[in-house]
Amino acid sequence: MATENKNLSVYDKNKIPNAKDLRFGIVVSEWNGQITEALFQGAQEALLDCGALPMNIIRWNVPGSFELTFGSKKMINTQKVDAVIAIGSVIRGETSHFDFVCSATAQGIKDLNVAYDVPVIFCVLTDDNMQQSLDRSGGKHGNKGTEAAIAAIQMAVLGK
């Protein structure tokens, strides 16, 4: 696995631009809420640690990962953000539904990045089981939300 030898929460704050003048949207899927809440906490803590002001972090919830694309698009169109972090969690089940949701969500986020000048960061865990999700949302591999926040800062600065 890509994260097996990497802690997702590790970053060198000295190499990250200060985020005090940036505005972030975070769209969070309510599906697999234990996981997405932990990812949100990791993202929010990293943004604040890097200088983002609490009033410049806007959170919206959507029902599931499939809805992240629409929520992110509305965030871009209405909130004047410098970057959006789309947070979700899809855990493989017994049917092909997992494949459809993961593919559509990834394609939707990609399409937003092509269509808009506001970066949308893909922070959607697509794991085979709950333990893998726990490991990547604050467990032994760190927190993918933290990694997404650092990417959001870097991409927001690139976009300015």
C-alpha atoms as a PDB file:
ATOM      1  CA  MET A   1       0.000   0.000   0.000  1.00  0.00           C
ATOM      2  CA  ALA A   2       1.111   3.529  -0.734  1.00  0.00           C
ATOM      3  CA  THR A   3       0.904   4.629   2.900  1.00  0.00           C
ATOM      4  CA  GLU A   4       2.508   1.565   4.446  1.00  0.00           C
ATOM      5  CA  ASN A   5       5.915   3.206   4.791  1.00  0.00           C
ATOM      6  CA  LYS A   6       4.730   6.804   5.234  1.00  0.00           C
ATOM      7  CA  ASN A   7       3.079   8.613   8.108  1.00  0.00           C
ATOM      8  CA  LEU A   8       0.413  10.837   6.567  1.00  0.00           C
ATOM      9  CA  SER A   9       0.578  13.322   9.450  1.00  0.00           C
ATOM     10  CA  VAL A  10       4.256  14.210   9.150  1.00  0.00           C
ATOM     11  CA  TYR A  11       5.124  17.553   7.557  1.00  0.00           C
ATOM     12  CA  ASP A  12       7.848  20.133   7.987  1.00  0.00           C
ATOM     13  CA  LYS A  13       6.041  23.312   8.989  1.00  0.00           C
ATOM     14  CA  ASN A  14       9.063  25.364   7.897  1.00  0.00           C
ATOM     15  CA  LYS A  15       8.517  24.211   4.312  1.00  0.00           C
ATOM     16  CA  ILE A  16       4.792  24.994   4.247  1.00  0.00           C
ATOM     17  CA  PRO A  17       3.575  28.492   3.317  1.00  0.00           C
ATOM     18  CA  ASN A  18       1.761  30.393   6.053  1.00  0.00           C
ATOM     19  CA  ALA A  19      -1.991  30.021   5.591  1.00  0.00           C
ATOM     20  CA  LYS A  20      -3.124  33.128   7.502  1.00  0.00           C
ATOM     21  CA  ASP A  21      -4.341  34.936   4.378  1.00  0.00           C
ATOM     22  CA  LEU A  22      -6.042  31.896   2.829  1.00  0.00           C
ATOM     23  CA  ARG A  23      -9.655  30.739   3.020  1.00  0.00           C
ATOM     24  CA  PHE A  24     -10.503  27.040   2.996  1.00  0.00           C
ATOM     25  CA  GLY A  25     -13.660  25.052   2.401  1.00  0.00           C
ATOM     26  CA  ILE A  26     -13.955  21.569   3.827  1.00  0.00           C
ATOM     27  CA  VAL A  27     -16.777  19.375   2.557  1.00  0.00           C
ATOM     28  CA  VAL A  28     -17.275  16.323   4.769  1.00  0.00           C
ATOM     29  CA  SER A  29     -19.224  13.175   3.980  1.00  0.00           C
ATOM     30  CA  GLU A  30     -21.426  11.963   6.845  1.00  0.00           C
ATOM     31  CA  TRP A  31     -21.147   8.348   5.647  1.00  0.00           C
ATOM     32  CA  ASN A  32     -18.615   6.439   7.791  1.00  0.00           C
ATOM     33  CA  GLY A  33     -18.754   9.390  10.180  1.00  0.00           C
ATOM     34  CA  GLN A  34     -16.218   7.996  12.641  1.00  0.00           C
ATOM     35  CA  ILE A  35     -13.631   8.072   9.873  1.00  0.00           C
ATOM     36  CA  THR A  36     -14.620  11.343   8.217  1.00  0.00           C
ATOM     37  CA  GLU A  37     -14.762  13.188  11.557  1.00  0.00           C
ATOM     38  CA  ALA A  38     -11.219  12.053  12.322  1.00  0.00           C
ATOM     39  CA  LEU A  39     -10.089  13.147   8.850  1.00  0.00           C
ATOM     40  CA  PHE A  40     -11.751  16.536   9.377  1.00  0.00           C
ATOM     41  CA  GLN A  41     -10.027  16.945  12.738  1.00  0.00           C
ATOM     42  CA  GLY A  42      -6.655  16.173  11.139  1.00  0.00           C
ATOM     43  CA  ALA A  43      -7.268  18.670   8.338  1.00  0.00           C
ATOM     44  CA  GLN A  44      -8.520  21.424  10.632  1.00  0.00           C
ATOM     45  CA  GLU A  45      -5.648  21.010  13.096  1.00  0.00           C
ATOM     46  CA  ALA A  46      -3.052  21.161  10.305  1.00  0.00           C
ATOM     47  CA  LEU A  47      -4.636  24.263   8.754  1.00  0.00           C
ATOM     48  CA  LEU A  48      -4.675  26.020  12.117  1.00  0.00           C
ATOM     49  CA  ASP A  49      -1.130  24.876  12.872  1.00  0.00           C
ATOM     50  CA  CYS A  50       0.003  26.446   9.598  1.00  0.00           C
ATOM     51  CA  GLY A  51      -1.606  29.795  10.368  1.00  0.00           C
ATOM     52  CA  ALA A  52      -5.132  29.552   8.978  1.00  0.00           C
ATOM     53  CA  LEU A  53      -7.646  31.598  10.939  1.00  0.00           C
ATOM     54  CA  PRO A  54     -10.636  29.674  12.354  1.00  0.00           C
ATOM     55  CA  MET A  55     -13.045  32.097  10.653  1.00  0.00           C
ATOM     56  CA  ASN A  56     -11.419  31.234   7.295  1.00  0.00           C
ATOM     57  CA  ILE A  57     -12.242  27.525   7.553  1.00  0.00           C
ATOM     58  CA  ILE A  58     -15.764  26.744   6.347  1.00  0.00           C
ATOM     59  CA  ARG A  59     -17.221  23.272   6.866  1.00  0.00           C
ATOM     60  CA  TRP A  60     -20.187  21.812   5.054  1.00  0.00           C
ATOM     61  CA  ASN A  61     -21.525  18.278   5.473  1.00  0.00           C
ATOM     62  CA  VAL A  62     -22.956  16.142   2.689  1.00  0.00           C
ATOM     63  CA  PRO A  63     -24.650  12.724   3.013  1.00  0.00           C
ATOM     64  CA  GLY A  64     -21.979  10.590   1.321  1.00  0.00           C
ATOM     65  CA  SER A  65     -18.821  10.608  -0.759  1.00  0.00           C
ATOM     66  CA  PHE A  66     -20.779  10.658  -4.025  1.00  0.00           C
ATOM     67  CA  GLU A  67     -22.179  14.063  -2.992  1.00  0.00           C
ATOM     68  CA  LEU A  68     -18.735  15.573  -2.373  1.00  0.00           C
ATOM     69  CA  THR A  69     -18.486  16.811  -5.965  1.00  0.00           C
ATOM     70  CA  PHE A  70     -21.688  18.834  -5.792  1.00  0.00           C
ATOM     71  CA  GLY A  71     -20.880  20.150  -2.310  1.00  0.00           C
ATOM     72  CA  SER A  72     -17.399  21.188  -3.430  1.00  0.00           C
ATOM     73  CA  LYS A  73     -18.763  22.909  -6.536  1.00  0.00           C
ATOM     74  CA  LYS A  74     -21.278  24.874  -4.468  1.00  0.00           C
ATOM     75  CA  MET A  75     -18.517  25.790  -2.008  1.00  0.00           C
ATOM     76  CA  ILE A  76     -16.379  27.162  -4.845  1.00  0.00           C
ATOM     77  CA  ASN A  77     -19.276  29.085  -6.354  1.00  0.00           C
ATOM     78  CA  THR A  78     -20.565  30.673  -3.158  1.00  0.00           C
ATOM     79  CA  GLN A  79     -17.823  30.999  -0.535  1.00  0.00           C
ATOM     80  CA  LYS A  80     -14.785  32.607  -2.227  1.00  0.00           C
ATOM     81  CA  VAL A  81     -12.366  29.959  -0.986  1.00  0.00           C
ATOM     82  CA  ASP A  82      -8.762  29.477  -2.058  1.00  0.00           C
ATOM     83  CA  ALA A  83      -8.994  25.678  -1.836  1.00  0.00           C
ATOM     84  CA  VAL A  84     -11.521  22.983  -0.973  1.00  0.00           C
ATOM     85  CA  ILE A  85     -10.803  19.707   0.811  1.00  0.00           C
ATOM     86  CA  ALA A  86     -13.304  16.954  -0.030  1.00  0.00           C
ATOM     87  CA  ILE A  87     -13.348  14.426   2.833  1.00  0.00           C
ATOM     88  CA  GLY A  88     -14.960  11.013   2.498  1.00  0.00           C
ATOM     89  CA  SER A  89     -14.614   7.337   3.260  1.00  0.00           C
ATOM     90  CA  VAL A  90     -15.750   4.405   1.162  1.00  0.00           C
ATOM     91  CA  ILE A  91     -15.184   0.923   2.542  1.00  0.00           C
ATOM     92  CA  ARG A  92     -15.440  -2.075   0.226  1.00  0.00           C
ATOM     93  CA  GLY A  93     -18.520  -4.192   0.715  1.00  0.00           C
ATOM     94  CA  GLU A  94     -19.861  -7.297  -0.975  1.00  0.00           C
ATOM     95  CA  THR A  95     -21.153  -5.591  -4.124  1.00  0.00           C
ATOM     96  CA  SER A  96     -19.697  -3.482  -6.913  1.00  0.00           C
ATOM     97  CA  HIS A  97     -21.260  -0.336  -5.397  1.00  0.00           C
ATOM     98  CA  PHE A  98     -17.822   0.480  -3.917  1.00  0.00           C
ATOM     99  CA  ASP A  99     -16.269   0.652  -7.388  1.00  0.00           C
ATOM    100  CA  PHE A 100     -18.977   2.930  -8.772  1.00  0.00           C
ATOM    101  CA  VAL A 101     -18.877   5.354  -5.838  1.00  0.00           C
ATOM    102  CA  CYS A 102     -15.063   5.515  -5.750  1.00  0.00           C
ATOM    103  CA  SER A 103     -14.757   6.026  -9.487  1.00  0.00           C
ATOM    104  CA  ALA A 104     -17.519   8.630  -9.723  1.00  0.00           C
ATOM    105  CA  THR A 105     -16.163  10.565  -6.741  1.00  0.00           C
ATOM    106  CA  ALA A 106     -12.603  10.593  -8.041  1.00  0.00           C
ATOM    107  CA  GLN A 107     -13.765  11.624 -11.516  1.00  0.00           C
ATOM    108  CA  GLY A 108     -16.017  14.320 -10.090  1.00  0.00           C
ATOM    109  CA  ILE A 109     -13.230  15.859  -8.021  1.00  0.00           C
ATOM    110  CA  LYS A 110     -10.925  15.672 -11.032  1.00  0.00           C
ATOM    111  CA  ASP A 111     -13.525  17.417 -13.160  1.00  0.00           C
ATOM    112  CA  LEU A 112     -13.770  20.264 -10.643  1.00  0.00           C
ATOM    113  CA  ASN A 113     -10.007  20.716 -10.776  1.00  0.00           C
ATOM    114  CA  VAL A 114     -10.178  21.000 -14.550  1.00  0.00           C
ATOM    115  CA  ALA A 115     -13.230  23.284 -14.641  1.00  0.00           C
ATOM    116  CA  TYR A 116     -12.375  25.737 -11.850  1.00  0.00           C
ATOM    117  CA  ASP A 117      -9.359  27.752 -10.761  1.00  0.00           C
ATOM    118  CA  VAL A 118      -9.851  26.644  -7.154  1.00  0.00           C
ATOM    119  CA  PRO A 119      -8.037  23.433  -6.223  1.00  0.00           C
ATOM    120  CA  VAL A 120     -10.149  20.630  -4.771  1.00  0.00           C
ATOM    121  CA  ILE A 121      -8.117  18.183  -2.706  1.00  0.00           C
ATOM    122  CA  PHE A 122      -9.170  14.531  -2.819  1.00  0.00           C
ATOM    123  CA  CYS A 123      -9.254  13.288   0.774  1.00  0.00           C
ATOM    124  CA  VAL A 124     -11.405  10.230   0.235  1.00  0.00           C
ATOM    125  CA  LEU A 125     -10.266   6.981   1.791  1.00  0.00           C
ATOM    126  CA  THR A 126     -11.088   3.997  -0.426  1.00  0.00           C
ATOM    127  CA  ASP A 127     -10.227   1.070   1.796  1.00  0.00           C
ATOM    128  CA  ASP A 128     -10.926  -2.642   1.820  1.00  0.00           C
ATOM    129  CA  ASN A 129     -11.950  -2.704   5.479  1.00  0.00           C
ATOM    130  CA  MET A 130     -12.606  -0.543   8.522  1.00  0.00           C
ATOM    131  CA  GLN A 131      -9.169  -1.196  10.029  1.00  0.00           C
ATOM    132  CA  GLN A 132      -7.440   0.275   6.980  1.00  0.00           C
ATOM    133  CA  SER A 133      -9.628   3.366   7.317  1.00  0.00           C
ATOM    134  CA  LEU A 134      -8.860   3.689  11.023  1.00  0.00           C
ATOM    135  CA  ASP A 135      -5.140   3.321  10.300  1.00  0.00           C
ATOM    136  CA  ARG A 136      -5.294   6.248   7.830  1.00  0.00           C
ATOM    137  CA  SER A 137      -7.554   8.564   9.845  1.00  0.00           C
ATOM    138  CA  GLY A 138      -5.353   8.988  12.894  1.00  0.00           C
ATOM    139  CA  GLY A 139      -4.101   5.453  13.418  1.00  0.00           C
ATOM    140  CA  LYS A 140      -0.766   3.810  12.713  1.00  0.00           C
ATOM    141  CA  HIS A 141      -0.363   5.510   9.310  1.00  0.00           C
ATOM    142  CA  GLY A 142      -1.255   8.979  10.589  1.00  0.00           C
ATOM    143  CA  ASN A 143      -4.094  11.068   9.232  1.00  0.00           C
ATOM    144  CA  LYS A 144      -4.874  11.582   5.555  1.00  0.00           C
ATOM    145  CA  GLY A 145      -6.786  14.724   6.576  1.00  0.00           C
ATOM    146  CA  THR A 146      -3.525  16.273   7.714  1.00  0.00           C
ATOM    147  CA  GLU A 147      -1.873  15.422   4.412  1.00  0.00           C
ATOM    148  CA  ALA A 148      -4.847  16.880   2.506  1.00  0.00           C
ATOM    149  CA  ALA A 149      -4.644  20.146   4.459  1.00  0.00           C
ATOM    150  CA  ILE A 150      -0.965  20.557   3.620  1.00  0.00           C
ATOM    151  CA  ALA A 151      -1.755  19.887  -0.047  1.00  0.00           C
ATOM    152  CA  ALA A 152      -4.586  22.445   0.118  1.00  0.00           C
ATOM    153  CA  ILE A 153      -2.245  25.120   1.451  1.00  0.00           C
ATOM    154  CA  GLN A 154       0.362  24.392  -1.189  1.00  0.00           C
ATOM    155  CA  MET A 155      -2.169  24.350  -4.026  1.00  0.00           C
ATOM    156  CA  ALA A 156      -3.934  27.498  -2.790  1.00  0.00           C
ATOM    157  CA  VAL A 157      -0.610  29.354  -2.861  1.00  0.00           C
ATOM    158  CA  LEU A 158       0.135  27.954  -6.316  1.00  0.00           C
ATOM    159  CA  GLY A 159      -3.262  29.157  -7.508  1.00  0.00           C
ATOM    160  CA  LYS A 160      -2.726  32.758  -6.375  1.00  0.00           C
END
